[in-house]
Amino acid sequence: MISCLGLLGISLFDIRRRYREIAIRKVNGAKPKDLYIILGKSYMLNLVLAFVVAAPVSWIVIYYYTASFVEKAPVTFGLFVIPLLIVLILSMLTLYYQINKAAHINPAEVMKNE
């Protein structure tokens, strides 16, 4: 939940800052699907990169922490993949909400206010 709140804040700031770009893209014929791809690509890339860095570090920390235990719980691949899927789904929902609002703005209103 905390990561989704952080993502909501970052995406809200970033997408609000890019309203003019979104308006120009809409005037030039971009469909909402195109905007979802353009705006969501960088966030998904960051999430995957964070997982690629965090998974090996977490495995090493768990391995050395449990090295002196008599009985160890197995550290399986699912221990890392299931949280990744949960975070990806929650992040996608958070981003979908922000991008959906941005994709349905009136370009004339944005250009008039800027």
C-alpha atoms as a PDB file:
ATOM      1  CA  MET A   1       0.000   0.000   0.000  1.00  0.00           C
ATOM      2  CA  ILE A   2       2.825   2.391   0.828  1.00  0.00           C
ATOM      3  CA  SER A   3       4.482   1.820  -2.539  1.00  0.00           C
ATOM      4  CA  CYS A   4       1.164   2.453  -4.306  1.00  0.00           C
ATOM      5  CA  LEU A   5       0.695   5.721  -2.427  1.00  0.00           C
ATOM      6  CA  GLY A   6       4.191   6.767  -3.448  1.00  0.00           C
ATOM      7  CA  LEU A   7       3.510   5.758  -7.031  1.00  0.00           C
ATOM      8  CA  LEU A   8       0.231   7.680  -6.950  1.00  0.00           C
ATOM      9  CA  GLY A   9       2.033  10.819  -5.804  1.00  0.00           C
ATOM     10  CA  ILE A  10       4.814  10.497  -8.371  1.00  0.00           C
ATOM     11  CA  SER A  11       2.437   9.693 -11.225  1.00  0.00           C
ATOM     12  CA  LEU A  12       0.088  12.517 -10.226  1.00  0.00           C
ATOM     13  CA  PHE A  13       2.967  15.004 -10.283  1.00  0.00           C
ATOM     14  CA  ASP A  14       4.473  13.680 -13.511  1.00  0.00           C
ATOM     15  CA  ILE A  15       1.235  13.370 -15.464  1.00  0.00           C
ATOM     16  CA  ARG A  16      -0.030  16.783 -14.340  1.00  0.00           C
ATOM     17  CA  ARG A  17       3.268  18.241 -15.490  1.00  0.00           C
ATOM     18  CA  ARG A  18       2.817  16.562 -18.889  1.00  0.00           C
ATOM     19  CA  TYR A  19      -0.783  17.692 -19.522  1.00  0.00           C
ATOM     20  CA  ARG A  20       0.319  20.055 -22.282  1.00  0.00           C
ATOM     21  CA  GLU A  21       2.216  17.265 -24.055  1.00  0.00           C
ATOM     22  CA  ILE A  22      -0.812  14.975 -23.701  1.00  0.00           C
ATOM     23  CA  ALA A  23      -3.094  17.674 -25.114  1.00  0.00           C
ATOM     24  CA  ILE A  24      -0.825  18.189 -28.127  1.00  0.00           C
ATOM     25  CA  ARG A  25      -0.664  14.438 -28.730  1.00  0.00           C
ATOM     26  CA  LYS A  26      -4.477  14.225 -28.567  1.00  0.00           C
ATOM     27  CA  VAL A  27      -4.862  17.083 -31.038  1.00  0.00           C
ATOM     28  CA  ASN A  28      -2.484  15.279 -33.386  1.00  0.00           C
ATOM     29  CA  GLY A  29      -4.624  12.133 -33.236  1.00  0.00           C
ATOM     30  CA  ALA A  30      -3.275  10.021 -30.386  1.00  0.00           C
ATOM     31  CA  LYS A  31      -5.784   7.540 -29.031  1.00  0.00           C
ATOM     32  CA  PRO A  32      -6.084   6.768 -25.308  1.00  0.00           C
ATOM     33  CA  LYS A  33      -4.385   3.411 -25.975  1.00  0.00           C
ATOM     34  CA  ASP A  34      -1.328   5.245 -27.283  1.00  0.00           C
ATOM     35  CA  LEU A  35      -1.258   7.461 -24.211  1.00  0.00           C
ATOM     36  CA  TYR A  36      -1.442   4.437 -21.901  1.00  0.00           C
ATOM     37  CA  ILE A  37       1.621   2.983 -23.614  1.00  0.00           C
ATOM     38  CA  ILE A  38       3.596   6.235 -23.643  1.00  0.00           C
ATOM     39  CA  LEU A  39       2.871   7.188 -20.037  1.00  0.00           C
ATOM     40  CA  GLY A  40       2.908   3.716 -18.494  1.00  0.00           C
ATOM     41  CA  LYS A  41       6.080   2.413 -20.130  1.00  0.00           C
ATOM     42  CA  SER A  42       8.515   4.317 -17.926  1.00  0.00           C
ATOM     43  CA  TYR A  43       6.777   3.306 -14.699  1.00  0.00           C
ATOM     44  CA  MET A  44       6.686  -0.360 -15.620  1.00  0.00           C
ATOM     45  CA  LEU A  45      10.346  -0.237 -16.629  1.00  0.00           C
ATOM     46  CA  ASN A  46      11.195   1.239 -13.213  1.00  0.00           C
ATOM     47  CA  LEU A  47       9.215  -1.466 -11.411  1.00  0.00           C
ATOM     48  CA  VAL A  48      10.907  -4.271 -13.321  1.00  0.00           C
ATOM     49  CA  LEU A  49      14.340  -2.710 -12.785  1.00  0.00           C
ATOM     50  CA  ALA A  50      13.619  -2.403  -9.051  1.00  0.00           C
ATOM     51  CA  PHE A  51      12.654  -6.087  -8.942  1.00  0.00           C
ATOM     52  CA  VAL A  52      15.797  -7.128 -10.812  1.00  0.00           C
ATOM     53  CA  VAL A  53      17.899  -5.303  -8.226  1.00  0.00           C
ATOM     54  CA  ALA A  54      15.850  -6.207  -5.136  1.00  0.00           C
ATOM     55  CA  ALA A  55      15.355  -9.938  -5.744  1.00  0.00           C
ATOM     56  CA  PRO A  56      19.030 -10.980  -5.625  1.00  0.00           C
ATOM     57  CA  VAL A  57      19.735  -8.638  -2.712  1.00  0.00           C
ATOM     58  CA  SER A  58      16.775 -10.073  -0.798  1.00  0.00           C
ATOM     59  CA  TRP A  59      17.861 -13.627  -1.530  1.00  0.00           C
ATOM     60  CA  ILE A  60      21.393 -12.913  -0.265  1.00  0.00           C
ATOM     61  CA  VAL A  61      20.087 -11.261   2.899  1.00  0.00           C
ATOM     62  CA  ILE A  62      17.708 -14.162   3.601  1.00  0.00           C
ATOM     63  CA  TYR A  63      20.448 -16.718   2.886  1.00  0.00           C
ATOM     64  CA  TYR A  64      22.949 -15.174   5.299  1.00  0.00           C
ATOM     65  CA  TYR A  65      20.332 -14.390   7.946  1.00  0.00           C
ATOM     66  CA  THR A  66      19.112 -17.995   8.046  1.00  0.00           C
ATOM     67  CA  ALA A  67      22.578 -19.575   7.730  1.00  0.00           C
ATOM     68  CA  SER A  68      22.810 -20.370  11.437  1.00  0.00           C
ATOM     69  CA  PHE A  69      19.236 -21.641  11.799  1.00  0.00           C
ATOM     70  CA  VAL A  70      18.799 -25.340  12.492  1.00  0.00           C
ATOM     71  CA  GLU A  71      15.618 -25.613  10.437  1.00  0.00           C
ATOM     72  CA  LYS A  72      15.218 -23.379   7.424  1.00  0.00           C
ATOM     73  CA  ALA A  73      12.165 -22.611   5.369  1.00  0.00           C
ATOM     74  CA  PRO A  74      12.900 -23.041   1.677  1.00  0.00           C
ATOM     75  CA  VAL A  75      13.536 -19.843  -0.272  1.00  0.00           C
ATOM     76  CA  THR A  76      11.683 -20.530  -3.488  1.00  0.00           C
ATOM     77  CA  PHE A  77      11.182 -18.542  -6.664  1.00  0.00           C
ATOM     78  CA  GLY A  78       7.510 -18.028  -5.736  1.00  0.00           C
ATOM     79  CA  LEU A  79       8.570 -16.095  -2.667  1.00  0.00           C
ATOM     80  CA  PHE A  80       9.705 -13.331  -5.001  1.00  0.00           C
ATOM     81  CA  VAL A  81       7.295 -13.680  -7.925  1.00  0.00           C
ATOM     82  CA  ILE A  82       4.022 -13.511  -5.971  1.00  0.00           C
ATOM     83  CA  PRO A  83       4.848 -10.152  -4.309  1.00  0.00           C
ATOM     84  CA  LEU A  84       6.051  -8.875  -7.685  1.00  0.00           C
ATOM     85  CA  LEU A  85       2.706  -9.759  -9.281  1.00  0.00           C
ATOM     86  CA  ILE A  86       0.765  -8.153  -6.430  1.00  0.00           C
ATOM     87  CA  VAL A  87       2.791  -4.943  -6.669  1.00  0.00           C
ATOM     88  CA  LEU A  88       2.494  -4.917 -10.474  1.00  0.00           C
ATOM     89  CA  ILE A  89      -1.286  -5.300 -10.334  1.00  0.00           C
ATOM     90  CA  LEU A  90      -1.714  -2.588  -7.710  1.00  0.00           C
ATOM     91  CA  SER A  91       0.680  -0.308  -9.592  1.00  0.00           C
ATOM     92  CA  MET A  92      -1.135  -0.890 -12.876  1.00  0.00           C
ATOM     93  CA  LEU A  93      -4.446   0.010 -11.242  1.00  0.00           C
ATOM     94  CA  THR A  94      -2.938   3.152  -9.731  1.00  0.00           C
ATOM     95  CA  LEU A  95      -1.382   4.191 -13.034  1.00  0.00           C
ATOM     96  CA  TYR A  96      -4.520   3.315 -14.977  1.00  0.00           C
ATOM     97  CA  TYR A  97      -6.504   5.728 -12.825  1.00  0.00           C
ATOM     98  CA  GLN A  98      -4.064   8.596 -13.419  1.00  0.00           C
ATOM     99  CA  ILE A  99      -3.533   7.917 -17.119  1.00  0.00           C
ATOM    100  CA  ASN A 100      -7.274   7.508 -17.682  1.00  0.00           C
ATOM    101  CA  LYS A 101      -7.884  10.963 -16.213  1.00  0.00           C
ATOM    102  CA  ALA A 102      -5.129  12.422 -18.389  1.00  0.00           C
ATOM    103  CA  ALA A 103      -6.300  10.635 -21.539  1.00  0.00           C
ATOM    104  CA  HIS A 104      -9.787  12.084 -21.270  1.00  0.00           C
ATOM    105  CA  ILE A 105      -8.872  15.731 -20.705  1.00  0.00           C
ATOM    106  CA  ASN A 106     -10.108  18.403 -23.050  1.00  0.00           C
ATOM    107  CA  PRO A 107      -7.066  19.678 -25.004  1.00  0.00           C
ATOM    108  CA  ALA A 108      -8.647  23.102 -25.455  1.00  0.00           C
ATOM    109  CA  GLU A 109      -8.958  23.604 -21.699  1.00  0.00           C
ATOM    110  CA  VAL A 110      -5.342  22.636 -21.097  1.00  0.00           C
ATOM    111  CA  MET A 111      -4.007  24.919 -23.802  1.00  0.00           C
ATOM    112  CA  LYS A 112      -6.226  27.787 -22.609  1.00  0.00           C
ATOM    113  CA  ASN A 113      -4.951  27.499 -19.038  1.00  0.00           C
ATOM    114  CA  GLU A 114      -1.270  27.263 -19.990  1.00  0.00           C
END
